[in-house]
Amino acid sequence: MIELHEAPALYEKLIHYNEAKHEKIYLTVNTFREVEYISLRKYFQDFDEEWKPSKEGITMPLDFENSKLLFDGLVEILSISEVKDILETHFKEKLDEIYQ
């Protein structure tokens, strides 16, 4: 039987790579039992040099409320960072594209 973390990704983005520890963190979206999920999970490289998902991470249904709360949290974190102006400049085009 297929597990949630084994479901094919509809979207996958590498968020962080630690070459020294052979670890990656991916943001993924997949569908499992007809429910769409969003995950932020650490992957490790096994002895065969294949990347495998670890138990470290979170997965939750990708619905409007969860998406809104995640976005609100990220915006709040970014707005209090020391590099607010740089972030606004970097993401302005992307945000304008999304909300047009």
PDB file of N, CA and C in Angstrom:
ATOM      1  N   MET A   1       0.841  -1.181   0.000  1.00  0.00           N
ATOM      2  CA  MET A   1       0.000   0.000   0.000  1.00  0.00           C
ATOM      3  C   MET A   1       0.887   1.246   0.000  1.00  0.00           C
ATOM      4  N   ILE A   2       0.522   2.215  -0.791  1.00  0.00           N
ATOM      5  CA  ILE A   2       1.300   3.456  -0.895  1.00  0.00           C
ATOM      6  C   ILE A   2       1.047   4.343   0.329  1.00  0.00           C
ATOM      7  N   GLU A   3       2.105   4.938   0.832  1.00  0.00           N
ATOM      8  CA  GLU A   3       2.020   5.860   1.965  1.00  0.00           C
ATOM      9  C   GLU A   3       1.922   7.288   1.442  1.00  0.00           C
ATOM     10  N   LEU A   4       1.477   8.191   2.295  1.00  0.00           N
ATOM     11  CA  LEU A   4       1.310   9.591   1.900  1.00  0.00           C
ATOM     12  C   LEU A   4       2.599  10.176   1.342  1.00  0.00           C
ATOM     13  N   HIS A   5       3.734   9.954   2.017  1.00  0.00           N
ATOM     14  CA  HIS A   5       4.999  10.542   1.556  1.00  0.00           C
ATOM     15  C   HIS A   5       5.516   9.915   0.265  1.00  0.00           C
ATOM     16  N   GLU A   6       4.900   8.824  -0.187  1.00  0.00           N
ATOM     17  CA  GLU A   6       5.307   8.166  -1.430  1.00  0.00           C
ATOM     18  C   GLU A   6       4.434   8.571  -2.616  1.00  0.00           C
ATOM     19  N   ALA A   7       3.371   9.325  -2.373  1.00  0.00           N
ATOM     20  CA  ALA A   7       2.487   9.749  -3.456  1.00  0.00           C
ATOM     21  C   ALA A   7       3.248  10.678  -4.398  1.00  0.00           C
ATOM     22  N   PRO A   8       3.019  10.556  -5.710  1.00  0.00           N
ATOM     23  CA  PRO A   8       3.743  11.408  -6.662  1.00  0.00           C
ATOM     24  C   PRO A   8       3.470  12.893  -6.413  1.00  0.00           C
ATOM     25  N   ALA A   9       4.513  13.690  -6.529  1.00  0.00           N
ATOM     26  CA  ALA A   9       4.389  15.130  -6.270  1.00  0.00           C
ATOM     27  C   ALA A   9       3.768  15.841  -7.465  1.00  0.00           C
ATOM     28  N   LEU A  10       2.787  16.709  -7.176  1.00  0.00           N
ATOM     29  CA  LEU A  10       2.224  17.587  -8.195  1.00  0.00           C
ATOM     30  C   LEU A  10       3.085  18.839  -8.322  1.00  0.00           C
ATOM     31  N   TYR A  11       3.756  19.175  -7.230  1.00  0.00           N
ATOM     32  CA  TYR A  11       4.664  20.325  -7.176  1.00  0.00           C
ATOM     33  C   TYR A  11       5.777  19.963  -6.210  1.00  0.00           C
ATOM     34  N   GLU A  12       6.994  20.339  -6.562  1.00  0.00           N
ATOM     35  CA  GLU A  12       8.128  20.047  -5.694  1.00  0.00           C
ATOM     36  C   GLU A  12       9.168  21.148  -5.864  1.00  0.00           C
ATOM     37  N   LYS A  13       9.632  21.702  -4.746  1.00  0.00           N
ATOM     38  CA  LYS A  13      10.649  22.751  -4.790  1.00  0.00           C
ATOM     39  C   LYS A  13      11.674  22.487  -3.699  1.00  0.00           C
ATOM     40  N   LEU A  14      12.934  22.480  -4.104  1.00  0.00           N
ATOM     41  CA  LEU A  14      14.023  22.341  -3.149  1.00  0.00           C
ATOM     42  C   LEU A  14      14.146  23.655  -2.392  1.00  0.00           C
ATOM     43  N   ILE A  15      14.043  23.592  -1.061  1.00  0.00           N
ATOM     44  CA  ILE A  15      14.081  24.777  -0.211  1.00  0.00           C
ATOM     45  C   ILE A  15      15.459  24.956   0.413  1.00  0.00           C
ATOM     46  N   HIS A  16      16.111  23.846   0.756  1.00  0.00           N
ATOM     47  CA  HIS A  16      17.409  23.918   1.440  1.00  0.00           C
ATOM     48  C   HIS A  16      18.212  22.668   1.119  1.00  0.00           C
ATOM     49  N   TYR A  17      19.530  22.847   0.939  1.00  0.00           N
ATOM     50  CA  TYR A  17      20.414  21.708   0.689  1.00  0.00           C
ATOM     51  C   TYR A  17      21.644  21.838   1.567  1.00  0.00           C
ATOM     52  N   ASN A  18      21.895  20.816   2.384  1.00  0.00           N
ATOM     53  CA  ASN A  18      23.080  20.762   3.228  1.00  0.00           C
ATOM     54  C   ASN A  18      23.959  19.638   2.688  1.00  0.00           C
ATOM     55  N   GLU A  19      24.936  20.026   1.883  1.00  0.00           N
ATOM     56  CA  GLU A  19      25.786  19.034   1.222  1.00  0.00           C
ATOM     57  C   GLU A  19      26.597  18.220   2.224  1.00  0.00           C
ATOM     58  N   ALA A  20      27.072  18.871   3.277  1.00  0.00           N
ATOM     59  CA  ALA A  20      27.903  18.185   4.272  1.00  0.00           C
ATOM     60  C   ALA A  20      27.141  17.068   4.983  1.00  0.00           C
ATOM     61  N   LYS A  21      25.858  17.295   5.265  1.00  0.00           N
ATOM     62  CA  LYS A  21      25.044  16.294   5.971  1.00  0.00           C
ATOM     63  C   LYS A  21      24.244  15.414   5.021  1.00  0.00           C
ATOM     64  N   HIS A  22      24.348  15.660   3.723  1.00  0.00           N
ATOM     65  CA  HIS A  22      23.574  14.917   2.724  1.00  0.00           C
ATOM     66  C   HIS A  22      22.080  15.006   3.037  1.00  0.00           C
ATOM     67  N   GLU A  23      21.610  16.239   3.273  1.00  0.00           N
ATOM     68  CA  GLU A  23      20.197  16.481   3.589  1.00  0.00           C
ATOM     69  C   GLU A  23      19.630  17.536   2.649  1.00  0.00           C
ATOM     70  N   LYS A  24      18.368  17.339   2.297  1.00  0.00           N
ATOM     71  CA  LYS A  24      17.618  18.318   1.513  1.00  0.00           C
ATOM     72  C   LYS A  24      16.283  18.540   2.204  1.00  0.00           C
ATOM     73  N   ILE A  25      15.740  19.734   2.042  1.00  0.00           N
ATOM     74  CA  ILE A  25      14.384  20.013   2.508  1.00  0.00           C
ATOM     75  C   ILE A  25      13.572  20.421   1.290  1.00  0.00           C
ATOM     76  N   TYR A  26      12.458  19.724   1.085  1.00  0.00           N
ATOM     77  CA  TYR A  26      11.587  19.982  -0.053  1.00  0.00           C
ATOM     78  C   TYR A  26      10.217  20.468   0.408  1.00  0.00           C
ATOM     79  N   LEU A  27       9.659  21.386  -0.361  1.00  0.00           N
ATOM     80  CA  LEU A  27       8.260  21.780  -0.245  1.00  0.00           C
ATOM     81  C   LEU A  27       7.552  21.044  -1.370  1.00  0.00           C
ATOM     82  N   THR A  28       6.558  20.230  -1.030  1.00  0.00           N
ATOM     83  CA  THR A  28       5.857  19.452  -2.051  1.00  0.00           C
ATOM     84  C   THR A  28       4.350  19.558  -1.876  1.00  0.00           C
ATOM     85  N   VAL A  29       3.663  19.341  -2.979  1.00  0.00           N
ATOM     86  CA  VAL A  29       2.203  19.203  -2.977  1.00  0.00           C
ATOM     87  C   VAL A  29       1.913  17.881  -3.672  1.00  0.00           C
ATOM     88  N   ASN A  30       1.075  17.064  -3.045  1.00  0.00           N
ATOM     89  CA  ASN A  30       0.669  15.815  -3.673  1.00  0.00           C
ATOM     90  C   ASN A  30      -0.765  15.486  -3.287  1.00  0.00           C
ATOM     91  N   THR A  31      -1.318  14.506  -3.984  1.00  0.00           N
ATOM     92  CA  THR A  31      -2.680  14.046  -3.715  1.00  0.00           C
ATOM     93  C   THR A  31      -2.605  12.624  -3.185  1.00  0.00           C
ATOM     94  N   PHE A  32      -3.329  12.386  -2.100  1.00  0.00           N
ATOM     95  CA  PHE A  32      -3.368  11.067  -1.482  1.00  0.00           C
ATOM     96  C   PHE A  32      -4.802  10.802  -1.063  1.00  0.00           C
ATOM     97  N   ARG A  33      -5.356   9.709  -1.565  1.00  0.00           N
ATOM     98  CA  ARG A  33      -6.757   9.357  -1.274  1.00  0.00           C
ATOM     99  C   ARG A  33      -7.693  10.531  -1.547  1.00  0.00           C
ATOM    100  N   GLU A  34      -7.453  11.171  -2.701  1.00  0.00           N
ATOM    101  CA  GLU A  34      -8.286  12.261  -3.216  1.00  0.00           C
ATOM    102  C   GLU A  34      -8.229  13.543  -2.385  1.00  0.00           C
ATOM    103  N   VAL A  35      -7.224  13.674  -1.524  1.00  0.00           N
ATOM    104  CA  VAL A  35      -7.026  14.898  -0.739  1.00  0.00           C
ATOM    105  C   VAL A  35      -5.668  15.473  -1.120  1.00  0.00           C
ATOM    106  N   GLU A  36      -5.638  16.791  -1.378  1.00  0.00           N
ATOM    107  CA  GLU A  36      -4.375  17.451  -1.696  1.00  0.00           C
ATOM    108  C   GLU A  36      -3.668  17.848  -0.404  1.00  0.00           C
ATOM    109  N   TYR A  37      -2.351  17.566  -0.335  1.00  0.00           N
ATOM    110  CA  TYR A  37      -1.552  17.861   0.851  1.00  0.00           C
ATOM    111  C   TYR A  37      -0.361  18.730   0.484  1.00  0.00           C
ATOM    112  N   ILE A  38       0.079  19.539   1.451  1.00  0.00           N
ATOM    113  CA  ILE A  38       1.318  20.289   1.336  1.00  0.00           C
ATOM    114  C   ILE A  38       2.260  19.758   2.409  1.00  0.00           C
ATOM    115  N   SER A  39       3.525  19.583   2.030  1.00  0.00           N
ATOM    116  CA  SER A  39       4.515  19.023   2.957  1.00  0.00           C
ATOM    117  C   SER A  39       5.797  19.835   2.909  1.00  0.00           C
ATOM    118  N   LEU A  40       6.417  19.938   4.038  1.00  0.00           N
ATOM    119  CA  LEU A  40       7.767  20.468   4.166  1.00  0.00           C
ATOM    120  C   LEU A  40       8.532  19.363   4.880  1.00  0.00           C
ATOM    121  N   ARG A  41       9.438  18.697   4.156  1.00  0.00           N
ATOM    122  CA  ARG A  41      10.044  17.484   4.693  1.00  0.00           C
ATOM    123  C   ARG A  41      11.533  17.419   4.400  1.00  0.00           C
ATOM    124  N   LYS A  42      12.260  16.843   5.368  1.00  0.00           N
ATOM    125  CA  LYS A  42      13.697  16.609   5.211  1.00  0.00           C
ATOM    126  C   LYS A  42      13.896  15.271   4.502  1.00  0.00           C
ATOM    127  N   TYR A  43      14.804  15.278   3.534  1.00  0.00           N
ATOM    128  CA  TYR A  43      15.177  14.066   2.812  1.00  0.00           C
ATOM    129  C   TYR A  43      16.636  13.752   3.116  1.00  0.00           C
ATOM    130  N   PHE A  44      16.977  12.468   3.108  1.00  0.00           N
ATOM    131  CA  PHE A  44      18.353  12.051   3.359  1.00  0.00           C
ATOM    132  C   PHE A  44      18.809  11.153   2.215  1.00  0.00           C
ATOM    133  N   GLN A  45      20.111  11.058   2.054  1.00  0.00           N
ATOM    134  CA  GLN A  45      20.675  10.213   1.015  1.00  0.00           C
ATOM    135  C   GLN A  45      21.059   8.875   1.636  1.00  0.00           C
ATOM    136  N   ASP A  46      20.493   7.789   1.086  1.00  0.00           N
ATOM    137  CA  ASP A  46      20.795   6.466   1.633  1.00  0.00           C
ATOM    138  C   ASP A  46      22.129   5.940   1.081  1.00  0.00           C
ATOM    139  N   PHE A  47      22.484   4.709   1.444  1.00  0.00           N
ATOM    140  CA  PHE A  47      23.767   4.134   1.035  1.00  0.00           C
ATOM    141  C   PHE A  47      23.863   3.919  -0.475  1.00  0.00           C
ATOM    142  N   ASP A  48      22.710   3.822  -1.147  1.00  0.00           N
ATOM    143  CA  ASP A  48      22.690   3.689  -2.609  1.00  0.00           C
ATOM    144  C   ASP A  48      22.647   5.051  -3.292  1.00  0.00           C
ATOM    145  N   GLU A  49      22.806   6.109  -2.503  1.00  0.00           N
ATOM    146  CA  GLU A  49      22.785   7.501  -2.963  1.00  0.00           C
ATOM    147  C   GLU A  49      21.436   7.920  -3.538  1.00  0.00           C
ATOM    148  N   GLU A  50      20.374   7.299  -3.061  1.00  0.00           N
ATOM    149  CA  GLU A  50      19.017   7.698  -3.431  1.00  0.00           C
ATOM    150  C   GLU A  50      18.471   8.595  -2.331  1.00  0.00           C
ATOM    151  N   TRP A  51      17.690   9.609  -2.732  1.00  0.00           N
ATOM    152  CA  TRP A  51      17.089  10.526  -1.758  1.00  0.00           C
ATOM    153  C   TRP A  51      15.786   9.939  -1.248  1.00  0.00           C
ATOM    154  N   LYS A  52      15.670   9.835   0.076  1.00  0.00           N
ATOM    155  CA  LYS A  52      14.497   9.249   0.725  1.00  0.00           C
ATOM    156  C   LYS A  52      13.903  10.250   1.714  1.00  0.00           C
ATOM    157  N   PRO A  53      12.572  10.272   1.842  1.00  0.00           N
ATOM    158  CA  PRO A  53      11.960  11.168   2.832  1.00  0.00           C
ATOM    159  C   PRO A  53      12.208  10.657   4.245  1.00  0.00           C
ATOM    160  N   SER A  54      12.474  11.573   5.153  1.00  0.00           N
ATOM    161  CA  SER A  54      12.642  11.197   6.557  1.00  0.00           C
ATOM    162  C   SER A  54      11.314  11.399   7.284  1.00  0.00           C
ATOM    163  N   LYS A  55      11.297  11.065   8.554  1.00  0.00           N
ATOM    164  CA  LYS A  55      10.109  11.304   9.374  1.00  0.00           C
ATOM    165  C   LYS A  55      10.059  12.746   9.862  1.00  0.00           C
ATOM    166  N   GLU A  56      11.142  13.504   9.621  1.00  0.00           N
ATOM    167  CA  GLU A  56      11.201  14.892  10.067  1.00  0.00           C
ATOM    168  C   GLU A  56      10.527  15.794   9.038  1.00  0.00           C
ATOM    169  N   GLY A  57       9.448  16.423   9.437  1.00  0.00           N
ATOM    170  CA  GLY A  57       8.729  17.326   8.556  1.00  0.00           C
ATOM    171  C   GLY A  57       7.278  17.410   8.956  1.00  0.00           C
ATOM    172  N   ILE A  58       6.544  18.166   8.171  1.00  0.00           N
ATOM    173  CA  ILE A  58       5.109  18.306   8.423  1.00  0.00           C
ATOM    174  C   ILE A  58       4.346  18.091   7.123  1.00  0.00           C
ATOM    175  N   THR A  59       3.141  17.600   7.257  1.00  0.00           N
ATOM    176  CA  THR A  59       2.221  17.431   6.142  1.00  0.00           C
ATOM    177  C   THR A  59       0.845  17.807   6.645  1.00  0.00           C
ATOM    178  N   MET A  60       0.138  18.595   5.844  1.00  0.00           N
ATOM    179  CA  MET A  60      -1.228  18.956   6.212  1.00  0.00           C
ATOM    180  C   MET A  60      -2.058  19.138   4.954  1.00  0.00           C
ATOM    181  N   PRO A  61      -3.379  19.018   5.084  1.00  0.00           N
ATOM    182  CA  PRO A  61      -4.229  19.224   3.916  1.00  0.00           C
ATOM    183  C   PRO A  61      -4.008  20.620   3.334  1.00  0.00           C
ATOM    184  N   LEU A  62      -3.983  20.681   2.011  1.00  0.00           N
ATOM    185  CA  LEU A  62      -3.809  21.952   1.319  1.00  0.00           C
ATOM    186  C   LEU A  62      -5.195  22.497   1.001  1.00  0.00           C
ATOM    187  N   ASP A  63      -5.777  23.175   1.980  1.00  0.00           N
ATOM    188  CA  ASP A  63      -7.070  23.810   1.782  1.00  0.00           C
ATOM    189  C   ASP A  63      -6.901  25.315   1.953  1.00  0.00           C
ATOM    190  N   PHE A  64      -7.966  26.050   1.728  1.00  0.00           N
ATOM    191  CA  PHE A  64      -7.867  27.509   1.771  1.00  0.00           C
ATOM    192  C   PHE A  64      -7.411  28.002   3.137  1.00  0.00           C
ATOM    193  N   GLU A  65      -7.976  27.484   4.198  1.00  0.00           N
ATOM    194  CA  GLU A  65      -7.648  27.978   5.542  1.00  0.00           C
ATOM    195  C   GLU A  65      -6.180  27.725   5.890  1.00  0.00           C
ATOM    196  N   ASN A  66      -5.695  26.507   5.649  1.00  0.00           N
ATOM    197  CA  ASN A  66      -4.283  26.217   5.923  1.00  0.00           C
ATOM    198  C   ASN A  66      -3.361  27.074   5.063  1.00  0.00           C
ATOM    199  N   SER A  67      -3.716  27.243   3.782  1.00  0.00           N
ATOM    200  CA  SER A  67      -2.900  28.070   2.889  1.00  0.00           C
ATOM    201  C   SER A  67      -2.854  29.509   3.368  1.00  0.00           C
ATOM    202  N   LYS A  68      -3.991  30.038   3.784  1.00  0.00           N
ATOM    203  CA  LYS A  68      -4.069  31.419   4.270  1.00  0.00           C
ATOM    204  C   LYS A  68      -3.218  31.592   5.525  1.00  0.00           C
ATOM    205  N   LEU A  69      -3.334  30.663   6.458  1.00  0.00           N
ATOM    206  CA  LEU A  69      -2.561  30.763   7.697  1.00  0.00           C
ATOM    207  C   LEU A  69      -1.054  30.650   7.443  1.00  0.00           C
ATOM    208  N   LEU A  70      -0.657  29.753   6.544  1.00  0.00           N
ATOM    209  CA  LEU A  70       0.761  29.640   6.188  1.00  0.00           C
ATOM    210  C   LEU A  70       1.274  30.933   5.560  1.00  0.00           C
ATOM    211  N   PHE A  71       0.503  31.466   4.626  1.00  0.00           N
ATOM    212  CA  PHE A  71       0.905  32.703   3.950  1.00  0.00           C
ATOM    213  C   PHE A  71       0.979  33.856   4.945  1.00  0.00           C
ATOM    214  N   ASP A  72      -0.031  33.970   5.800  1.00  0.00           N
ATOM    215  CA  ASP A  72      -0.027  35.029   6.823  1.00  0.00           C
ATOM    216  C   ASP A  72       1.205  34.920   7.719  1.00  0.00           C
ATOM    217  N   GLY A  73       1.541  33.700   8.136  1.00  0.00           N
ATOM    218  CA  GLY A  73       2.708  33.501   8.989  1.00  0.00           C
ATOM    219  C   GLY A  73       4.001  33.881   8.296  1.00  0.00           C
ATOM    220  N   LEU A  74       4.149  33.485   7.032  1.00  0.00           N
ATOM    221  CA  LEU A  74       5.359  33.843   6.287  1.00  0.00           C
ATOM    222  C   LEU A  74       5.472  35.347   6.084  1.00  0.00           C
ATOM    223  N   VAL A  75       4.359  35.987   5.751  1.00  0.00           N
ATOM    224  CA  VAL A  75       4.374  37.444   5.566  1.00  0.00           C
ATOM    225  C   VAL A  75       4.762  38.131   6.864  1.00  0.00           C
ATOM    226  N   GLU A  76       4.214  37.671   7.982  1.00  0.00           N
ATOM    227  CA  GLU A  76       4.537  38.269   9.281  1.00  0.00           C
ATOM    228  C   GLU A  76       6.017  38.086   9.617  1.00  0.00           C
ATOM    229  N   ILE A  77       6.532  36.888   9.401  1.00  0.00           N
ATOM    230  CA  ILE A  77       7.950  36.631   9.676  1.00  0.00           C
ATOM    231  C   ILE A  77       8.838  37.507   8.796  1.00  0.00           C
ATOM    232  N   LEU A  78       8.512  37.569   7.511  1.00  0.00           N
ATOM    233  CA  LEU A  78       9.326  38.368   6.593  1.00  0.00           C
ATOM    234  C   LEU A  78       9.233  39.858   6.887  1.00  0.00           C
ATOM    235  N   SER A  79       8.074  40.314   7.358  1.00  0.00           N
ATOM    236  CA  SER A  79       7.902  41.747   7.607  1.00  0.00           C
ATOM    237  C   SER A  79       8.695  42.223   8.817  1.00  0.00           C
ATOM    238  N   ILE A  80       9.032  41.326   9.729  1.00  0.00           N
ATOM    239  CA  ILE A  80       9.802  41.750  10.904  1.00  0.00           C
ATOM    240  C   ILE A  80      11.299  41.474  10.733  1.00  0.00           C
ATOM    241  N   SER A  81      11.676  40.935   9.579  1.00  0.00           N
ATOM    242  CA  SER A  81      13.092  40.635   9.362  1.00  0.00           C
ATOM    243  C   SER A  81      13.869  41.911   9.071  1.00  0.00           C
ATOM    244  N   GLU A  82      15.167  41.837   9.277  1.00  0.00           N
ATOM    245  CA  GLU A  82      16.036  42.983   9.056  1.00  0.00           C
ATOM    246  C   GLU A  82      16.174  43.330   7.580  1.00  0.00           C
ATOM    247  N   VAL A  83      15.826  42.415   6.712  1.00  0.00           N
ATOM    248  CA  VAL A  83      16.001  42.640   5.284  1.00  0.00           C
ATOM    249  C   VAL A  83      14.662  42.860   4.580  1.00  0.00           C
ATOM    250  N   LYS A  84      13.738  43.497   5.262  1.00  0.00           N
ATOM    251  CA  LYS A  84      12.396  43.708   4.728  1.00  0.00           C
ATOM    252  C   LYS A  84      12.422  44.356   3.345  1.00  0.00           C
ATOM    253  N   ASP A  85      13.209  45.404   3.169  1.00  0.00           N
ATOM    254  CA  ASP A  85      13.254  46.095   1.880  1.00  0.00           C
ATOM    255  C   ASP A  85      13.751  45.180   0.764  1.00  0.00           C
ATOM    256  N   ILE A  86      14.746  44.374   1.066  1.00  0.00           N
ATOM    257  CA  ILE A  86      15.271  43.444   0.060  1.00  0.00           C
ATOM    258  C   ILE A  86      14.208  42.413  -0.302  1.00  0.00           C
ATOM    259  N   LEU A  87      13.504  41.893   0.698  1.00  0.00           N
ATOM    260  CA  LEU A  87      12.465  40.896   0.445  1.00  0.00           C
ATOM    261  C   LEU A  87      11.316  41.486  -0.363  1.00  0.00           C
ATOM    262  N   GLU A  88      10.903  42.707  -0.019  1.00  0.00           N
ATOM    263  CA  GLU A  88       9.825  43.350  -0.776  1.00  0.00           C
ATOM    264  C   GLU A  88      10.237  43.537  -2.229  1.00  0.00           C
ATOM    265  N   THR A  89      11.473  43.929  -2.452  1.00  0.00           N
ATOM    266  CA  THR A  89      11.964  44.116  -3.815  1.00  0.00           C
ATOM    267  C   THR A  89      12.005  42.784  -4.555  1.00  0.00           C
ATOM    268  N   HIS A  90      12.517  41.763  -3.902  1.00  0.00           N
ATOM    269  CA  HIS A  90      12.673  40.461  -4.542  1.00  0.00           C
ATOM    270  C   HIS A  90      11.325  39.809  -4.858  1.00  0.00           C
ATOM    271  N   PHE A  91      10.361  39.909  -3.955  1.00  0.00           N
ATOM    272  CA  PHE A  91       9.081  39.220  -4.128  1.00  0.00           C
ATOM    273  C   PHE A  91       7.983  40.085  -4.726  1.00  0.00           C
ATOM    274  N   LYS A  92       8.211  41.374  -4.928  1.00  0.00           N
ATOM    275  CA  LYS A  92       7.171  42.267  -5.446  1.00  0.00           C
ATOM    276  C   LYS A  92       6.626  41.765  -6.777  1.00  0.00           C
ATOM    277  N   GLU A  93       7.507  41.417  -7.700  1.00  0.00           N
ATOM    278  CA  GLU A  93       7.076  40.952  -9.016  1.00  0.00           C
ATOM    279  C   GLU A  93       6.241  39.677  -8.895  1.00  0.00           C
ATOM    280  N   LYS A  94       6.666  38.755  -8.051  1.00  0.00           N
ATOM    281  CA  LYS A  94       5.939  37.497  -7.867  1.00  0.00           C
ATOM    282  C   LYS A  94       4.561  37.752  -7.254  1.00  0.00           C
ATOM    283  N   LEU A  95       4.496  38.606  -6.237  1.00  0.00           N
ATOM    284  CA  LEU A  95       3.216  38.919  -5.597  1.00  0.00           C
ATOM    285  C   LEU A  95       2.288  39.653  -6.554  1.00  0.00           C
ATOM    286  N   ASP A  96       2.821  40.594  -7.324  1.00  0.00           N
ATOM    287  CA  ASP A  96       2.001  41.298  -8.314  1.00  0.00           C
ATOM    288  C   ASP A  96       1.438  40.318  -9.335  1.00  0.00           C
ATOM    289  N   GLU A  97       2.257  39.356  -9.744  1.00  0.00           N
ATOM    290  CA  GLU A  97       1.828  38.340 -10.706  1.00  0.00           C
ATOM    291  C   GLU A  97       0.696  37.482 -10.139  1.00  0.00           C
ATOM    292  N   ILE A  98       0.815  37.114  -8.880  1.00  0.00           N
ATOM    293  CA  ILE A  98      -0.195  36.261  -8.244  1.00  0.00           C
ATOM    294  C   ILE A  98      -1.518  37.000  -8.066  1.00  0.00           C
ATOM    295  N   TYR A  99      -1.456  38.260  -7.659  1.00  0.00           N
ATOM    296  CA  TYR A  99      -2.666  38.980  -7.269  1.00  0.00           C
ATOM    297  C   TYR A  99      -3.228  39.906  -8.334  1.00  0.00           C
ATOM    298  N   GLN A 100      -2.826  39.745  -9.590  1.00  0.00           N
ATOM    299  CA  GLN A 100      -3.421  40.558 -10.664  1.00  0.00           C
ATOM    300  C   GLN A 100      -4.675  39.929 -11.178  1.00  0.00           C
TER     301      GLN A 100
END
